[in-house]
Amino acid sequence: MDNEQLLAEIREANLTYLMLAQSLIRQDKATALFRLGLTEEAADLLAALSPAQVMKVASGNMLLCRFRVDDDLVWNLLTNHKPGKVNNDTTSRLHASILMAGRFAETL
């Protein structure tokens, strides 16, 4: 993958992310704040962007979204990578969601 192709992929990911974020925020703001890990101010700003502004923001060379999972415990729960006491995918994902929700609440 050359540099131009990488930049095109980043722009496409940005556009997809911004469109998804706007859709989620407009449908259910409270849920969107949790799922996207955004502040209310950031959500209001994203929801108010015009299509031209979305295109302009998305066209940058920096990826706008980022991983919020930054520790081994949550990654292991999400991927079921590390065998543990619970080998139930649904239970592991629920546990990961609870941990991430707690961390989101701490940031507020």
PDB file of N, CA and C in Angstrom:
ATOM      1  N   MET A   1       0.854  -1.173   0.000  1.00  0.00           N
ATOM      2  CA  MET A   1       0.000   0.000   0.000  1.00  0.00           C
ATOM      3  C   MET A   1       0.899   1.234   0.000  1.00  0.00           C
ATOM      4  N   ASP A   2       0.745   2.074  -0.991  1.00  0.00           N
ATOM      5  CA  ASP A   2       1.573   3.273  -1.048  1.00  0.00           C
ATOM      6  C   ASP A   2       0.927   4.396  -0.238  1.00  0.00           C
ATOM      7  N   ASN A   3       1.645   5.501  -0.121  1.00  0.00           N
ATOM      8  CA  ASN A   3       1.211   6.606   0.717  1.00  0.00           C
ATOM      9  C   ASN A   3      -0.117   7.203   0.248  1.00  0.00           C
ATOM     10  N   GLU A   4      -0.302   7.371  -1.036  1.00  0.00           N
ATOM     11  CA  GLU A   4      -1.552   7.939  -1.559  1.00  0.00           C
ATOM     12  C   GLU A   4      -2.743   7.041  -1.255  1.00  0.00           C
ATOM     13  N   GLN A   5      -2.545   5.755  -1.376  1.00  0.00           N
ATOM     14  CA  GLN A   5      -3.628   4.815  -1.079  1.00  0.00           C
ATOM     15  C   GLN A   5      -3.953   4.842   0.413  1.00  0.00           C
ATOM     16  N   LEU A   6      -2.925   4.933   1.246  1.00  0.00           N
ATOM     17  CA  LEU A   6      -3.130   5.021   2.688  1.00  0.00           C
ATOM     18  C   LEU A   6      -3.923   6.277   3.040  1.00  0.00           C
ATOM     19  N   LEU A   7      -3.574   7.404   2.444  1.00  0.00           N
ATOM     20  CA  LEU A   7      -4.295   8.650   2.710  1.00  0.00           C
ATOM     21  C   LEU A   7      -5.745   8.563   2.238  1.00  0.00           C
ATOM     22  N   ALA A   8      -5.972   7.914   1.117  1.00  0.00           N
ATOM     23  CA  ALA A   8      -7.342   7.734   0.623  1.00  0.00           C
ATOM     24  C   ALA A   8      -8.150   6.873   1.592  1.00  0.00           C
ATOM     25  N   GLU A   9      -7.521   5.846   2.136  1.00  0.00           N
ATOM     26  CA  GLU A   9      -8.203   4.982   3.124  1.00  0.00           C
ATOM     27  C   GLU A   9      -8.532   5.759   4.392  1.00  0.00           C
ATOM     28  N   ILE A  10      -7.617   6.609   4.836  1.00  0.00           N
ATOM     29  CA  ILE A  10      -7.861   7.434   6.026  1.00  0.00           C
ATOM     30  C   ILE A  10      -9.024   8.378   5.774  1.00  0.00           C
ATOM     31  N   ARG A  11      -9.051   9.019   4.628  1.00  0.00           N
ATOM     32  CA  ARG A  11     -10.153   9.938   4.302  1.00  0.00           C
ATOM     33  C   ARG A  11     -11.489   9.199   4.267  1.00  0.00           C
ATOM     34  N   GLU A  12     -11.499   8.024   3.687  1.00  0.00           N
ATOM     35  CA  GLU A  12     -12.733   7.233   3.623  1.00  0.00           C
ATOM     36  C   GLU A  12     -13.189   6.825   5.023  1.00  0.00           C
ATOM     37  N   ALA A  13     -12.249   6.399   5.861  1.00  0.00           N
ATOM     38  CA  ALA A  13     -12.584   6.029   7.240  1.00  0.00           C
ATOM     39  C   ALA A  13     -13.123   7.242   7.995  1.00  0.00           C
ATOM     40  N   ASN A  14     -12.503   8.403   7.801  1.00  0.00           N
ATOM     41  CA  ASN A  14     -12.975   9.626   8.457  1.00  0.00           C
ATOM     42  C   ASN A  14     -14.398   9.972   8.037  1.00  0.00           C
ATOM     43  N   LEU A  15     -14.658   9.909   6.740  1.00  0.00           N
ATOM     44  CA  LEU A  15     -15.994  10.238   6.240  1.00  0.00           C
ATOM     45  C   LEU A  15     -17.033   9.266   6.797  1.00  0.00           C
ATOM     46  N   THR A  16     -16.713   7.993   6.778  1.00  0.00           N
ATOM     47  CA  THR A  16     -17.623   6.977   7.319  1.00  0.00           C
ATOM     48  C   THR A  16     -17.882   7.213   8.801  1.00  0.00           C
ATOM     49  N   TYR A  17     -16.817   7.489   9.547  1.00  0.00           N
ATOM     50  CA  TYR A  17     -16.945   7.736  10.991  1.00  0.00           C
ATOM     51  C   TYR A  17     -17.809   8.967  11.258  1.00  0.00           C
ATOM     52  N   LEU A  18     -17.554  10.056  10.555  1.00  0.00           N
ATOM     53  CA  LEU A  18     -18.324  11.279  10.783  1.00  0.00           C
ATOM     54  C   LEU A  18     -19.800  11.096  10.435  1.00  0.00           C
ATOM     55  N   MET A  19     -20.070  10.398   9.354  1.00  0.00           N
ATOM     56  CA  MET A  19     -21.462  10.152   8.976  1.00  0.00           C
ATOM     57  C   MET A  19     -22.160   9.255  10.002  1.00  0.00           C
ATOM     58  N   LEU A  20     -21.463   8.226  10.463  1.00  0.00           N
ATOM     59  CA  LEU A  20     -22.025   7.361  11.499  1.00  0.00           C
ATOM     60  C   LEU A  20     -22.260   8.143  12.782  1.00  0.00           C
ATOM     61  N   ALA A  21     -21.288   8.944  13.177  1.00  0.00           N
ATOM     62  CA  ALA A  21     -21.414   9.730  14.404  1.00  0.00           C
ATOM     63  C   ALA A  21     -22.613  10.668  14.327  1.00  0.00           C
ATOM     64  N   GLN A  22     -22.756  11.374  13.215  1.00  0.00           N
ATOM     65  CA  GLN A  22     -23.900  12.270  13.068  1.00  0.00           C
ATOM     66  C   GLN A  22     -25.216  11.511  13.159  1.00  0.00           C
ATOM     67  N   SER A  23     -25.273  10.375  12.516  1.00  0.00           N
ATOM     68  CA  SER A  23     -26.500   9.577  12.536  1.00  0.00           C
ATOM     69  C   SER A  23     -26.835   9.111  13.954  1.00  0.00           C
ATOM     70  N   LEU A  24     -25.836   8.599  14.658  1.00  0.00           N
ATOM     71  CA  LEU A  24     -26.059   8.136  16.033  1.00  0.00           C
ATOM     72  C   LEU A  24     -26.490   9.281  16.941  1.00  0.00           C
ATOM     73  N   ILE A  25     -25.830  10.413  16.814  1.00  0.00           N
ATOM     74  CA  ILE A  25     -26.137  11.568  17.668  1.00  0.00           C
ATOM     75  C   ILE A  25     -27.563  12.054  17.416  1.00  0.00           C
ATOM     76  N   ARG A  26     -27.952  12.094  16.175  1.00  0.00           N
ATOM     77  CA  ARG A  26     -29.297  12.580  15.840  1.00  0.00           C
ATOM     78  C   ARG A  26     -30.388  11.606  16.264  1.00  0.00           C
ATOM     79  N   GLN A  27     -30.087  10.309  16.287  1.00  0.00           N
ATOM     80  CA  GLN A  27     -31.078   9.307  16.680  1.00  0.00           C
ATOM     81  C   GLN A  27     -31.242   9.242  18.193  1.00  0.00           C
ATOM     82  N   ASP A  28     -30.122   9.181  18.917  1.00  0.00           N
ATOM     83  CA  ASP A  28     -30.168   9.028  20.370  1.00  0.00           C
ATOM     84  C   ASP A  28     -28.860   9.573  20.940  1.00  0.00           C
ATOM     85  N   LYS A  29     -28.912  10.820  21.350  1.00  0.00           N
ATOM     86  CA  LYS A  29     -27.688  11.516  21.762  1.00  0.00           C
ATOM     87  C   LYS A  29     -27.004  10.845  22.951  1.00  0.00           C
ATOM     88  N   ALA A  30     -27.757  10.452  23.954  1.00  0.00           N
ATOM     89  CA  ALA A  30     -27.166   9.850  25.149  1.00  0.00           C
ATOM     90  C   ALA A  30     -26.427   8.554  24.813  1.00  0.00           C
ATOM     91  N   THR A  31     -27.034   7.719  24.006  1.00  0.00           N
ATOM     92  CA  THR A  31     -26.395   6.473  23.592  1.00  0.00           C
ATOM     93  C   THR A  31     -25.173   6.761  22.735  1.00  0.00           C
ATOM     94  N   ALA A  32     -25.283   7.752  21.869  1.00  0.00           N
ATOM     95  CA  ALA A  32     -24.154   8.115  21.011  1.00  0.00           C
ATOM     96  C   ALA A  32     -22.962   8.583  21.842  1.00  0.00           C
ATOM     97  N   LEU A  33     -23.217   9.357  22.873  1.00  0.00           N
ATOM     98  CA  LEU A  33     -22.127   9.819  23.740  1.00  0.00           C
ATOM     99  C   LEU A  33     -21.363   8.633  24.316  1.00  0.00           C
ATOM    100  N   PHE A  34     -22.095   7.626  24.760  1.00  0.00           N
ATOM    101  CA  PHE A  34     -21.457   6.439  25.324  1.00  0.00           C
ATOM    102  C   PHE A  34     -20.726   5.637  24.259  1.00  0.00           C
ATOM    103  N   ARG A  35     -21.416   5.336  23.165  1.00  0.00           N
ATOM    104  CA  ARG A  35     -20.825   4.472  22.142  1.00  0.00           C
ATOM    105  C   ARG A  35     -19.628   5.106  21.447  1.00  0.00           C
ATOM    106  N   LEU A  36     -19.664   6.408  21.256  1.00  0.00           N
ATOM    107  CA  LEU A  36     -18.582   7.087  20.565  1.00  0.00           C
ATOM    108  C   LEU A  36     -17.507   7.616  21.521  1.00  0.00           C
ATOM    109  N   GLY A  37     -17.838   7.679  22.805  1.00  0.00           N
ATOM    110  CA  GLY A  37     -16.878   8.198  23.774  1.00  0.00           C
ATOM    111  C   GLY A  37     -16.660   9.691  23.638  1.00  0.00           C
ATOM    112  N   LEU A  38     -17.727  10.414  23.301  1.00  0.00           N
ATOM    113  CA  LEU A  38     -17.638  11.849  23.067  1.00  0.00           C
ATOM    114  C   LEU A  38     -18.196  12.643  24.233  1.00  0.00           C
ATOM    115  N   THR A  39     -17.750  13.882  24.348  1.00  0.00           N
ATOM    116  CA  THR A  39     -18.383  14.810  25.273  1.00  0.00           C
ATOM    117  C   THR A  39     -19.642  15.350  24.623  1.00  0.00           C
ATOM    118  N   GLU A  40     -20.501  15.938  25.413  1.00  0.00           N
ATOM    119  CA  GLU A  40     -21.729  16.509  24.871  1.00  0.00           C
ATOM    120  C   GLU A  40     -21.416  17.664  23.918  1.00  0.00           C
ATOM    121  N   GLU A  41     -20.398  18.450  24.238  1.00  0.00           N
ATOM    122  CA  GLU A  41     -20.010  19.574  23.384  1.00  0.00           C
ATOM    123  C   GLU A  41     -19.531  19.079  22.014  1.00  0.00           C
ATOM    124  N   ALA A  42     -18.702  18.035  22.016  1.00  0.00           N
ATOM    125  CA  ALA A  42     -18.208  17.472  20.752  1.00  0.00           C
ATOM    126  C   ALA A  42     -19.362  16.901  19.933  1.00  0.00           C
ATOM    127  N   ALA A  43     -20.304  16.245  20.608  1.00  0.00           N
ATOM    128  CA  ALA A  43     -21.459  15.676  19.913  1.00  0.00           C
ATOM    129  C   ALA A  43     -22.305  16.780  19.281  1.00  0.00           C
ATOM    130  N   ASP A  44     -22.509  17.864  20.004  1.00  0.00           N
ATOM    131  CA  ASP A  44     -23.284  18.985  19.456  1.00  0.00           C
ATOM    132  C   ASP A  44     -22.592  19.569  18.229  1.00  0.00           C
ATOM    133  N   LEU A  45     -21.280  19.692  18.305  1.00  0.00           N
ATOM    134  CA  LEU A  45     -20.519  20.225  17.174  1.00  0.00           C
ATOM    135  C   LEU A  45     -20.623  19.302  15.973  1.00  0.00           C
ATOM    136  N   LEU A  46     -20.460  18.000  16.185  1.00  0.00           N
ATOM    137  CA  LEU A  46     -20.559  17.030  15.094  1.00  0.00           C
ATOM    138  C   LEU A  46     -21.947  17.034  14.468  1.00  0.00           C
ATOM    139  N   ALA A  47     -22.976  17.093  15.288  1.00  0.00           N
ATOM    140  CA  ALA A  47     -24.351  17.064  14.775  1.00  0.00           C
ATOM    141  C   ALA A  47     -24.662  18.292  13.936  1.00  0.00           C
ATOM    142  N   ALA A  48     -23.998  19.408  14.232  1.00  0.00           N
ATOM    143  CA  ALA A  48     -24.292  20.662  13.535  1.00  0.00           C
ATOM    144  C   ALA A  48     -23.494  20.832  12.244  1.00  0.00           C
ATOM    145  N   LEU A  49     -22.544  19.941  11.957  1.00  0.00           N
ATOM    146  CA  LEU A  49     -21.733  20.082  10.744  1.00  0.00           C
ATOM    147  C   LEU A  49     -22.587  19.913   9.487  1.00  0.00           C
ATOM    148  N   SER A  50     -22.363  20.793   8.544  1.00  0.00           N
ATOM    149  CA  SER A  50     -23.029  20.673   7.246  1.00  0.00           C
ATOM    150  C   SER A  50     -22.324  19.587   6.433  1.00  0.00           C
ATOM    151  N   PRO A  51     -22.956  19.081   5.363  1.00  0.00           N
ATOM    152  CA  PRO A  51     -22.274  18.092   4.527  1.00  0.00           C
ATOM    153  C   PRO A  51     -20.926  18.596   3.988  1.00  0.00           C
ATOM    154  N   ALA A  52     -20.859  19.870   3.621  1.00  0.00           N
ATOM    155  CA  ALA A  52     -19.594  20.422   3.120  1.00  0.00           C
ATOM    156  C   ALA A  52     -18.532  20.437   4.220  1.00  0.00           C
ATOM    157  N   GLN A  53     -18.942  20.754   5.445  1.00  0.00           N
ATOM    158  CA  GLN A  53     -17.997  20.750   6.560  1.00  0.00           C
ATOM    159  C   GLN A  53     -17.524  19.334   6.874  1.00  0.00           C
ATOM    160  N   VAL A  54     -18.432  18.366   6.798  1.00  0.00           N
ATOM    161  CA  VAL A  54     -18.062  16.967   7.026  1.00  0.00           C
ATOM    162  C   VAL A  54     -17.007  16.542   6.008  1.00  0.00           C
ATOM    163  N   MET A  55     -17.235  16.880   4.754  1.00  0.00           N
ATOM    164  CA  MET A  55     -16.275  16.529   3.700  1.00  0.00           C
ATOM    165  C   MET A  55     -14.915  17.183   3.946  1.00  0.00           C
ATOM    166  N   LYS A  56     -14.936  18.432   4.367  1.00  0.00           N
ATOM    167  CA  LYS A  56     -13.676  19.147   4.613  1.00  0.00           C
ATOM    168  C   LYS A  56     -12.910  18.531   5.783  1.00  0.00           C
ATOM    169  N   VAL A  57     -13.618  18.237   6.863  1.00  0.00           N
ATOM    170  CA  VAL A  57     -12.971  17.641   8.037  1.00  0.00           C
ATOM    171  C   VAL A  57     -12.452  16.248   7.704  1.00  0.00           C
ATOM    172  N   ALA A  58     -13.225  15.484   6.956  1.00  0.00           N
ATOM    173  CA  ALA A  58     -12.841  14.112   6.616  1.00  0.00           C
ATOM    174  C   ALA A  58     -11.650  14.050   5.677  1.00  0.00           C
ATOM    175  N   SER A  59     -11.401  15.108   4.946  1.00  0.00           N
ATOM    176  CA  SER A  59     -10.355  15.065   3.927  1.00  0.00           C
ATOM    177  C   SER A  59      -8.942  15.250   4.466  1.00  0.00           C
ATOM    178  N   GLY A  60      -8.810  15.421   5.750  1.00  0.00           N
ATOM    179  CA  GLY A  60      -7.478  15.573   6.336  1.00  0.00           C
ATOM    180  C   GLY A  60      -6.693  14.269   6.293  1.00  0.00           C
ATOM    181  N   ASN A  61      -5.429  14.340   6.663  1.00  0.00           N
ATOM    182  CA  ASN A  61      -4.582  13.145   6.613  1.00  0.00           C
ATOM    183  C   ASN A  61      -4.403  12.485   7.979  1.00  0.00           C
ATOM    184  N   MET A  62      -5.199  12.915   8.966  1.00  0.00           N
ATOM    185  CA  MET A  62      -5.127  12.340  10.296  1.00  0.00           C
ATOM    186  C   MET A  62      -6.422  11.583  10.593  1.00  0.00           C
ATOM    187  N   LEU A  63      -6.296  10.370  11.089  1.00  0.00           N
ATOM    188  CA  LEU A  63      -7.462   9.563  11.417  1.00  0.00           C
ATOM    189  C   LEU A  63      -8.206  10.196  12.592  1.00  0.00           C
ATOM    190  N   LEU A  64      -9.507  10.413  12.450  1.00  0.00           N
ATOM    191  CA  LEU A  64     -10.292  11.117  13.460  1.00  0.00           C
ATOM    192  C   LEU A  64     -10.748  10.226  14.609  1.00  0.00           C
ATOM    193  N   CYS A  65     -11.032   8.971  14.323  1.00  0.00           N
ATOM    194  CA  CYS A  65     -11.470   8.075  15.391  1.00  0.00           C
ATOM    195  C   CYS A  65     -10.246   7.375  15.980  1.00  0.00           C
ATOM    196  N   ARG A  66     -10.412   6.873  17.204  1.00  0.00           N
ATOM    197  CA  ARG A  66      -9.305   6.166  17.837  1.00  0.00           C
ATOM    198  C   ARG A  66      -9.855   5.039  18.696  1.00  0.00           C
ATOM    199  N   PHE A  67      -8.982   4.087  19.001  1.00  0.00           N
ATOM    200  CA  PHE A  67      -9.386   2.993  19.868  1.00  0.00           C
ATOM    201  C   PHE A  67      -9.502   3.498  21.294  1.00  0.00           C
ATOM    202  N   ARG A  68     -10.605   3.147  21.943  1.00  0.00           N
ATOM    203  CA  ARG A  68     -10.774   3.503  23.344  1.00  0.00           C
ATOM    204  C   ARG A  68     -10.335   2.372  24.256  1.00  0.00           C
ATOM    205  N   VAL A  69     -10.167   1.208  23.676  1.00  0.00           N
ATOM    206  CA  VAL A  69      -9.732   0.055  24.457  1.00  0.00           C
ATOM    207  C   VAL A  69      -8.216   0.126  24.544  1.00  0.00           C
ATOM    208  N   ASP A  70      -7.734   0.401  25.744  1.00  0.00           N
ATOM    209  CA  ASP A  70      -6.297   0.594  25.875  1.00  0.00           C
ATOM    210  C   ASP A  70      -5.660  -0.282  26.947  1.00  0.00           C
ATOM    211  N   ASP A  71      -6.320  -1.364  27.296  1.00  0.00           N
ATOM    212  CA  ASP A  71      -5.681  -2.265  28.244  1.00  0.00           C
ATOM    213  C   ASP A  71      -5.941  -3.725  27.882  1.00  0.00           C
ATOM    214  N   ASP A  72      -5.077  -4.572  28.372  1.00  0.00           N
ATOM    215  CA  ASP A  72      -5.131  -5.996  28.031  1.00  0.00           C
ATOM    216  C   ASP A  72      -6.403  -6.679  28.515  1.00  0.00           C
ATOM    217  N   LEU A  73      -6.905  -6.284  29.668  1.00  0.00           N
ATOM    218  CA  LEU A  73      -8.088  -6.948  30.215  1.00  0.00           C
ATOM    219  C   LEU A  73      -9.271  -6.827  29.261  1.00  0.00           C
ATOM    220  N   VAL A  74      -9.552  -5.626  28.799  1.00  0.00           N
ATOM    221  CA  VAL A  74     -10.695  -5.425  27.900  1.00  0.00           C
ATOM    222  C   VAL A  74     -10.443  -6.108  26.556  1.00  0.00           C
ATOM    223  N   TRP A  75      -9.220  -5.986  26.007  1.00  0.00           N
ATOM    224  CA  TRP A  75      -8.916  -6.658  24.745  1.00  0.00           C
ATOM    225  C   TRP A  75      -9.109  -8.162  24.870  1.00  0.00           C
ATOM    226  N   ASN A  76      -8.649  -8.745  25.962  1.00  0.00           N
ATOM    227  CA  ASN A  76      -8.811 -10.185  26.151  1.00  0.00           C
ATOM    228  C   ASN A  76     -10.274 -10.577  26.264  1.00  0.00           C
ATOM    229  N   LEU A  77     -11.077  -9.738  26.918  1.00  0.00           N
ATOM    230  CA  LEU A  77     -12.504 -10.028  27.011  1.00  0.00           C
ATOM    231  C   LEU A  77     -13.185  -9.927  25.643  1.00  0.00           C
ATOM    232  N   LEU A  78     -12.804  -8.915  24.872  1.00  0.00           N
ATOM    233  CA  LEU A  78     -13.426  -8.721  23.560  1.00  0.00           C
ATOM    234  C   LEU A  78     -13.025  -9.790  22.557  1.00  0.00           C
ATOM    235  N   THR A  79     -11.796 -10.237  22.639  1.00  0.00           N
ATOM    236  CA  THR A  79     -11.309 -11.194  21.650  1.00  0.00           C
ATOM    237  C   THR A  79     -11.354 -12.631  22.139  1.00  0.00           C
ATOM    238  N   ASN A  80     -11.636 -12.801  23.433  1.00  0.00           N
ATOM    239  CA  ASN A  80     -11.592 -14.142  24.028  1.00  0.00           C
ATOM    240  C   ASN A  80     -10.238 -14.793  23.761  1.00  0.00           C
ATOM    241  N   HIS A  81      -9.223 -13.960  23.741  1.00  0.00           N
ATOM    242  CA  HIS A  81      -7.877 -14.386  23.377  1.00  0.00           C
ATOM    243  C   HIS A  81      -7.198 -15.169  24.487  1.00  0.00           C
ATOM    244  N   LYS A  82      -7.520 -14.803  25.703  1.00  0.00           N
ATOM    245  CA  LYS A  82      -6.881 -15.427  26.849  1.00  0.00           C
ATOM    246  C   LYS A  82      -7.893 -16.343  27.530  1.00  0.00           C
ATOM    247  N   PRO A  83      -7.649 -17.626  27.527  1.00  0.00           N
ATOM    248  CA  PRO A  83      -8.612 -18.523  28.157  1.00  0.00           C
ATOM    249  C   PRO A  83      -8.731 -18.236  29.648  1.00  0.00           C
ATOM    250  N   GLY A  84      -9.950 -18.171  30.094  1.00  0.00           N
ATOM    251  CA  GLY A  84     -10.180 -17.883  31.506  1.00  0.00           C
ATOM    252  C   GLY A  84     -11.268 -18.777  32.061  1.00  0.00           C
ATOM    253  N   LYS A  85     -11.846 -18.325  33.152  1.00  0.00           N
ATOM    254  CA  LYS A  85     -12.893 -19.106  33.800  1.00  0.00           C
ATOM    255  C   LYS A  85     -14.162 -19.139  32.946  1.00  0.00           C
ATOM    256  N   VAL A  86     -14.439 -18.035  32.264  1.00  0.00           N
ATOM    257  CA  VAL A  86     -15.662 -17.950  31.468  1.00  0.00           C
ATOM    258  C   VAL A  86     -15.290 -18.078  29.993  1.00  0.00           C
ATOM    259  N   ASN A  87     -15.875 -19.052  29.337  1.00  0.00           N
ATOM    260  CA  ASN A  87     -15.590 -19.246  27.923  1.00  0.00           C
ATOM    261  C   ASN A  87     -16.822 -18.936  27.091  1.00  0.00           C
ATOM    262  N   ASN A  88     -17.628 -18.017  27.576  1.00  0.00           N
ATOM    263  CA  ASN A  88     -18.858 -17.633  26.897  1.00  0.00           C
ATOM    264  C   ASN A  88     -18.645 -16.266  26.268  1.00  0.00           C
ATOM    265  N   ASP A  89     -18.711 -16.182  24.942  1.00  0.00           N
ATOM    266  CA  ASP A  89     -18.431 -14.944  24.217  1.00  0.00           C
ATOM    267  C   ASP A  89     -19.360 -13.817  24.640  1.00  0.00           C
ATOM    268  N   THR A  90     -20.633 -14.102  24.800  1.00  0.00           N
ATOM    269  CA  THR A  90     -21.605 -13.084  25.176  1.00  0.00           C
ATOM    270  C   THR A  90     -21.290 -12.515  26.552  1.00  0.00           C
ATOM    271  N   THR A  91     -20.970 -13.371  27.490  1.00  0.00           N
ATOM    272  CA  THR A  91     -20.639 -12.926  28.840  1.00  0.00           C
ATOM    273  C   THR A  91     -19.361 -12.097  28.840  1.00  0.00           C
ATOM    274  N   SER A  92     -18.376 -12.509  28.059  1.00  0.00           N
ATOM    275  CA  SER A  92     -17.118 -11.767  27.977  1.00  0.00           C
ATOM    276  C   SER A  92     -17.341 -10.377  27.388  1.00  0.00           C
ATOM    277  N   ARG A  93     -18.146 -10.290  26.347  1.00  0.00           N
ATOM    278  CA  ARG A  93     -18.421  -8.985  25.726  1.00  0.00           C
ATOM    279  C   ARG A  93     -19.218  -8.090  26.678  1.00  0.00           C
ATOM    280  N   LEU A  94     -20.143  -8.671  27.414  1.00  0.00           N
ATOM    281  CA  LEU A  94     -20.913  -7.911  28.393  1.00  0.00           C
ATOM    282  C   LEU A  94     -19.988  -7.361  29.470  1.00  0.00           C
ATOM    283  N   HIS A  95     -19.082  -8.192  29.948  1.00  0.00           N
ATOM    284  CA  HIS A  95     -18.120  -7.764  30.961  1.00  0.00           C
ATOM    285  C   HIS A  95     -17.261  -6.617  30.428  1.00  0.00           C
ATOM    286  N   ALA A  96     -16.796  -6.728  29.189  1.00  0.00           N
ATOM    287  CA  ALA A  96     -15.996  -5.659  28.576  1.00  0.00           C
ATOM    288  C   ALA A  96     -16.813  -4.375  28.469  1.00  0.00           C
ATOM    289  N   SER A  97     -18.077  -4.486  28.086  1.00  0.00           N
ATOM    290  CA  SER A  97     -18.942  -3.307  27.978  1.00  0.00           C
ATOM    291  C   SER A  97     -19.130  -2.627  29.325  1.00  0.00           C
ATOM    292  N   ILE A  98     -19.287  -3.424  30.359  1.00  0.00           N
ATOM    293  CA  ILE A  98     -19.447  -2.868  31.706  1.00  0.00           C
ATOM    294  C   ILE A  98     -18.180  -2.122  32.123  1.00  0.00           C
ATOM    295  N   LEU A  99     -17.017  -2.719  31.871  1.00  0.00           N
ATOM    296  CA  LEU A  99     -15.760  -2.052  32.205  1.00  0.00           C
ATOM    297  C   LEU A  99     -15.608  -0.733  31.450  1.00  0.00           C
ATOM    298  N   MET A 100     -15.927  -0.754  30.149  1.00  0.00           N
ATOM    299  CA  MET A 100     -15.796   0.458  29.347  1.00  0.00           C
ATOM    300  C   MET A 100     -16.806   1.521  29.765  1.00  0.00           C
ATOM    301  N   ALA A 101     -18.006   1.103  30.164  1.00  0.00           N
ATOM    302  CA  ALA A 101     -19.024   2.054  30.629  1.00  0.00           C
ATOM    303  C   ALA A 101     -18.553   2.725  31.907  1.00  0.00           C
ATOM    304  N   GLY A 102     -17.937   1.953  32.776  1.00  0.00           N
ATOM    305  CA  GLY A 102     -17.408   2.541  34.008  1.00  0.00           C
ATOM    306  C   GLY A 102     -16.326   3.564  33.744  1.00  0.00           C
ATOM    307  N   ARG A 103     -15.491   3.273  32.783  1.00  0.00           N
ATOM    308  CA  ARG A 103     -14.417   4.207  32.424  1.00  0.00           C
ATOM    309  C   ARG A 103     -14.980   5.454  31.775  1.00  0.00           C
ATOM    310  N   PHE A 104     -16.024   5.287  30.965  1.00  0.00           N
ATOM    311  CA  PHE A 104     -16.678   6.437  30.345  1.00  0.00           C
ATOM    312  C   PHE A 104     -17.283   7.324  31.427  1.00  0.00           C
ATOM    313  N   ALA A 105     -17.927   6.724  32.401  1.00  0.00           N
ATOM    314  CA  ALA A 105     -18.550   7.489  33.489  1.00  0.00           C
ATOM    315  C   ALA A 105     -17.497   8.243  34.292  1.00  0.00           C
ATOM    316  N   GLU A 106     -16.317   7.663  34.465  1.00  0.00           N
ATOM    317  CA  GLU A 106     -15.239   8.328  35.193  1.00  0.00           C
ATOM    318  C   GLU A 106     -14.772   9.589  34.485  1.00  0.00           C
ATOM    319  N   THR A 107     -14.825   9.605  33.155  1.00  0.00           N
ATOM    320  CA  THR A 107     -14.358  10.762  32.409  1.00  0.00           C
ATOM    321  C   THR A 107     -15.338  11.923  32.486  1.00  0.00           C
ATOM    322  N   LEU A 108     -16.593  11.612  32.816  1.00  0.00           N
ATOM    323  CA  LEU A 108     -17.599  12.679  32.926  1.00  0.00           C
ATOM    324  C   LEU A 108     -17.448  13.340  34.246  1.00  0.00           C
TER     325      LEU A 108
END
